[in-house]
Protein backbone atom coordinates (compact mmCIF):
# COMPACT_ATOMS: atom_id res chain seq x y z
CA MET A 1 7.09 -12.56 22.65
CA LYS A 2 5.46 -10.47 19.85
CA LEU A 3 1.85 -9.51 20.24
CA LYS A 4 -0.26 -9.66 17.16
CA MET A 5 -3.76 -8.29 16.66
CA ALA A 6 -6.27 -10.65 15.12
CA LYS A 7 -7.06 -9.88 11.46
CA ASN A 8 -10.76 -9.69 12.16
CA SER A 9 -10.93 -8.10 15.55
CA LEU A 10 -12.97 -4.70 16.08
CA PHE A 11 -9.92 -2.77 16.20
CA ALA A 12 -8.13 -4.31 13.26
CA VAL A 13 -11.24 -3.54 11.19
CA LEU A 14 -11.54 -0.03 12.58
CA LEU A 15 -7.72 0.67 11.63
CA ARG A 16 -8.57 -0.66 8.09
CA SER A 17 -11.71 1.67 7.85
CA PRO A 18 -11.83 5.37 7.26
CA TRP A 19 -10.75 7.21 10.36
CA TRP A 20 -14.25 8.94 10.84
CA VAL A 21 -15.96 5.50 11.44
CA SER A 22 -13.91 5.34 14.68
CA MET A 23 -14.89 9.18 15.58
CA LEU A 24 -18.57 8.26 14.88
CA LEU A 25 -18.06 5.36 17.39
CA VAL A 26 -16.62 7.86 19.94
CA ALA A 27 -19.47 10.18 19.50
CA ALA A 28 -22.21 7.53 19.85
CA PHE A 29 -20.38 6.19 22.95
CA SER A 30 -20.31 9.44 24.49
CA LEU A 31 -24.01 10.39 23.73
CA VAL A 32 -25.15 6.95 25.06
CA SER A 33 -23.11 7.54 28.13
CA VAL A 34 -24.72 11.08 28.77
CA ALA A 35 -28.17 9.87 28.03
CA MET A 36 -28.07 6.49 30.08
CA LEU A 37 -25.63 6.92 32.99
CA PRO A 38 -26.30 8.85 36.14
CA ARG A 39 -24.45 12.22 36.16
CA ALA A 40 -21.76 10.92 38.69
CA TYR A 41 -20.79 8.33 36.28
CA VAL A 42 -20.95 9.97 32.83
CA PRO A 43 -17.00 10.71 32.84
CA PHE A 44 -16.27 7.08 33.31
CA GLY A 45 -18.75 6.26 30.45
CA VAL A 46 -16.92 8.64 28.21
CA MET A 47 -13.53 7.17 29.04
CA GLY A 48 -14.94 3.97 27.70
CA ALA A 49 -14.81 5.64 24.20
CA LEU A 50 -11.02 6.24 24.64
CA PRO A 51 -9.71 3.16 22.86
CA PHE A 52 -11.87 4.00 19.77
CA LEU A 53 -10.53 7.68 20.08
CA VAL A 54 -6.85 6.40 19.99
CA ILE A 55 -7.77 3.84 17.12
CA GLY A 56 -9.39 6.77 14.94
CA LEU A 57 -6.22 8.87 15.59
CA ILE A 58 -3.96 6.16 14.45
CA ALA A 59 -6.24 5.59 11.45
CA ALA A 60 -6.00 9.13 10.73
CA GLN A 61 -2.47 9.47 10.94
CA ARG A 62 -2.01 6.37 8.56
CA GLN A 63 -4.75 7.57 6.10
CA TRP A 64 -3.21 11.41 5.88
CA GLY A 65 -2.06 12.33 2.72
CA GLN A 66 -3.20 9.02 0.86
CA PRO A 67 -5.34 9.05 -2.15
CA SER A 68 -9.15 8.32 -2.04
CA PRO A 69 -10.38 4.97 -3.36
CA ALA A 70 -11.71 7.03 -6.35
CA GLN A 71 -8.22 8.68 -7.02
CA VAL A 72 -6.60 5.25 -6.81
CA ALA A 73 -9.12 3.87 -9.24
CA ASP A 74 -8.40 6.88 -11.78
CA THR A 75 -4.72 6.70 -11.51
CA LEU A 76 -4.74 2.97 -12.21
CA ALA A 77 -7.08 3.39 -15.30
CA GLN A 78 -4.82 6.13 -16.75
CA ALA A 79 -1.74 3.75 -16.00
CA ALA A 80 -3.42 0.87 -17.71
CA ALA A 81 -4.34 2.91 -20.69
CA LEU A 82 -0.70 4.08 -21.24
CA PRO A 83 1.55 2.22 -24.02
CA ALA A 84 4.48 0.37 -22.35
CA ARG A 85 7.11 2.83 -23.22
CA ALA A 86 5.06 5.67 -21.92
CA PHE A 87 4.09 3.62 -18.65
CA ALA A 88 7.85 2.81 -18.08
CA ASP A 89 8.75 6.58 -18.63
CA LYS A 90 6.08 7.63 -16.18
CA LEU A 91 7.62 5.06 -13.70
CA ALA A 92 11.05 6.38 -14.04
CA ALA A 93 10.03 10.02 -13.61
CA ALA A 94 8.34 9.00 -10.53
CA TYR A 95 11.50 7.32 -9.14
CA THR A 96 13.64 10.02 -10.27
CA ALA A 97 11.60 12.42 -8.23
CA GLN A 98 12.25 10.13 -5.18
CA GLY A 99 15.88 10.90 -5.73
CA PHE A 100 17.05 7.55 -7.67
CA VAL A 101 19.36 7.65 -10.73
CA VAL A 102 17.38 5.62 -13.26
CA THR A 103 18.60 3.62 -16.19
CA ARG A 104 16.50 2.12 -18.76
CA LEU A 105 17.41 -1.57 -19.28
CA ASN A 106 16.86 -3.84 -22.28
CA HIS A 107 16.71 -6.90 -20.01
CA PRO A 108 14.10 -9.72 -20.33
CA ALA A 109 13.41 -9.62 -16.70
CA ALA A 110 13.87 -5.96 -15.68
CA ASP A 111 12.90 -2.53 -17.37
CA LEU A 112 14.59 -0.31 -15.32
CA GLN A 113 17.56 -0.12 -12.94
CA LEU A 114 17.43 2.33 -9.86
CA ALA A 115 20.57 3.73 -7.94
CA LYS A 116 20.72 5.21 -4.85
CA ALA A 117 23.04 5.41 -1.90
CA GLY A 118 25.10 2.57 -3.26
CA PHE A 119 22.31 0.22 -3.78
CA THR A 120 20.84 -1.04 -7.07
CA THR A 121 17.32 -1.95 -7.49
CA LEU A 122 15.91 -3.86 -10.59
CA VAL A 123 12.28 -2.81 -11.57
CA ALA A 124 10.17 -5.14 -13.83
CA CYS A 125 6.99 -3.47 -15.19
CA LYS A 126 6.54 -5.36 -18.61
CA ARG A 127 3.39 -6.79 -17.60
CA TRP A 128 1.90 -4.00 -15.73
CA LYS A 129 -1.48 -4.35 -17.07
CA ALA A 130 -1.87 -8.24 -17.52
CA ALA A 131 -5.16 -9.56 -16.03
CA SER A 132 -3.09 -11.99 -13.75
CA HIS A 133 0.38 -12.20 -12.75
CA GLY A 134 1.94 -15.66 -12.36
CA LEU A 135 5.14 -16.89 -11.06
CA GLU A 136 7.11 -16.91 -14.23
CA PRO A 137 7.95 -13.06 -14.48
CA LEU A 138 8.79 -13.10 -10.81
CA ARG A 139 11.21 -16.03 -11.26
CA GLU A 140 13.00 -14.33 -14.20
CA LEU A 141 13.15 -11.18 -12.22
CA ALA A 142 14.56 -13.11 -9.09
CA ALA A 143 17.15 -14.70 -11.35
CA ALA A 144 18.49 -11.50 -12.59
CA PRO A 145 21.91 -10.77 -11.54
CA GLY A 146 23.54 -7.55 -10.21
CA ALA A 147 20.95 -6.03 -7.84
CA ASP A 148 20.48 -5.57 -4.18
CA GLN A 149 16.77 -5.31 -4.51
CA ARG A 150 14.03 -6.25 -6.78
CA ILE A 151 10.53 -4.56 -7.47
CA TYR A 152 7.68 -5.96 -9.44
CA VAL A 153 5.08 -3.43 -10.78
CA SER A 154 1.61 -4.30 -11.58
CA VAL A 155 -1.78 -2.33 -12.05
CA VAL A 156 -3.61 -5.20 -10.63
CA PRO A 157 -2.75 -7.17 -7.23
CA VAL A 158 -0.69 -10.33 -7.84
CA THR A 159 -1.87 -14.03 -7.05
CA ASP A 160 -1.47 -15.19 -3.70
CA LYS A 161 0.97 -17.88 -4.94
CA ALA A 162 3.00 -14.97 -6.55
CA ARG A 163 2.77 -12.98 -3.52
CA ALA A 164 4.03 -15.68 -1.29
CA PHE A 165 7.01 -16.23 -3.89
CA ALA A 166 7.79 -12.62 -3.99
CA GLN A 167 8.10 -12.49 -0.17
CA ALA A 168 10.33 -15.50 -0.29
CA GLN A 169 12.64 -14.19 -2.66
CA GLY A 170 12.56 -10.71 -1.21
CA ILE A 171 10.91 -9.03 -4.10
CA GLY A 172 8.81 -6.10 -3.57
CA LEU A 173 5.36 -5.72 -4.98
CA VAL A 174 4.01 -2.40 -6.09
CA ALA A 175 0.45 -2.72 -7.18
CA ASP A 176 -2.82 -1.08 -6.61
CA ALA A 177 -2.94 1.84 -4.11
CA GLU A 178 0.85 1.56 -3.70
CA LEU A 179 1.26 2.14 -7.50
CA ALA A 180 -1.30 4.82 -7.64
CA ARG A 181 0.68 6.57 -4.67
CA LEU A 182 4.09 6.36 -6.47
CA LEU A 183 2.54 7.79 -9.98
CA GLY A 184 0.24 10.27 -8.05
């Protein structure tokens, strides 16, 4: 049996929030314990903040080295301003920096072919700055032969239908903050 945290539980919300929010709760919980409890019970009151401390540390570890929302927005705006060829070149350079051998393709479904450790990945980034991403480019990418994995790149998040299709077909989606980290 796999345990799963409810999406909107307090701890799930704190994990998605900046780490310092949890630390503020730890400080507030500790201060209230010191102010309101008899001296003998203060250590037990402060121990009540321990779950928030753990959540704060987990959130800090996850957020370490991640770009800020302003940096993400700036990087995505710069990417959206690039012409198609320059965007593909920047994406190729980012994958090359990760150790992939990158080949430019002239294929209707994919723009780049990545090779690393015997695996081939097709990357589609033709519609990277479209306002919405439907199923058709994902279907084309899924039907493209000769790849172990497939990645679809866009500046904006894809629709829920497209996300479900990509998950069902095993297509990785690189959008929003993940794209900013890749290009950063």
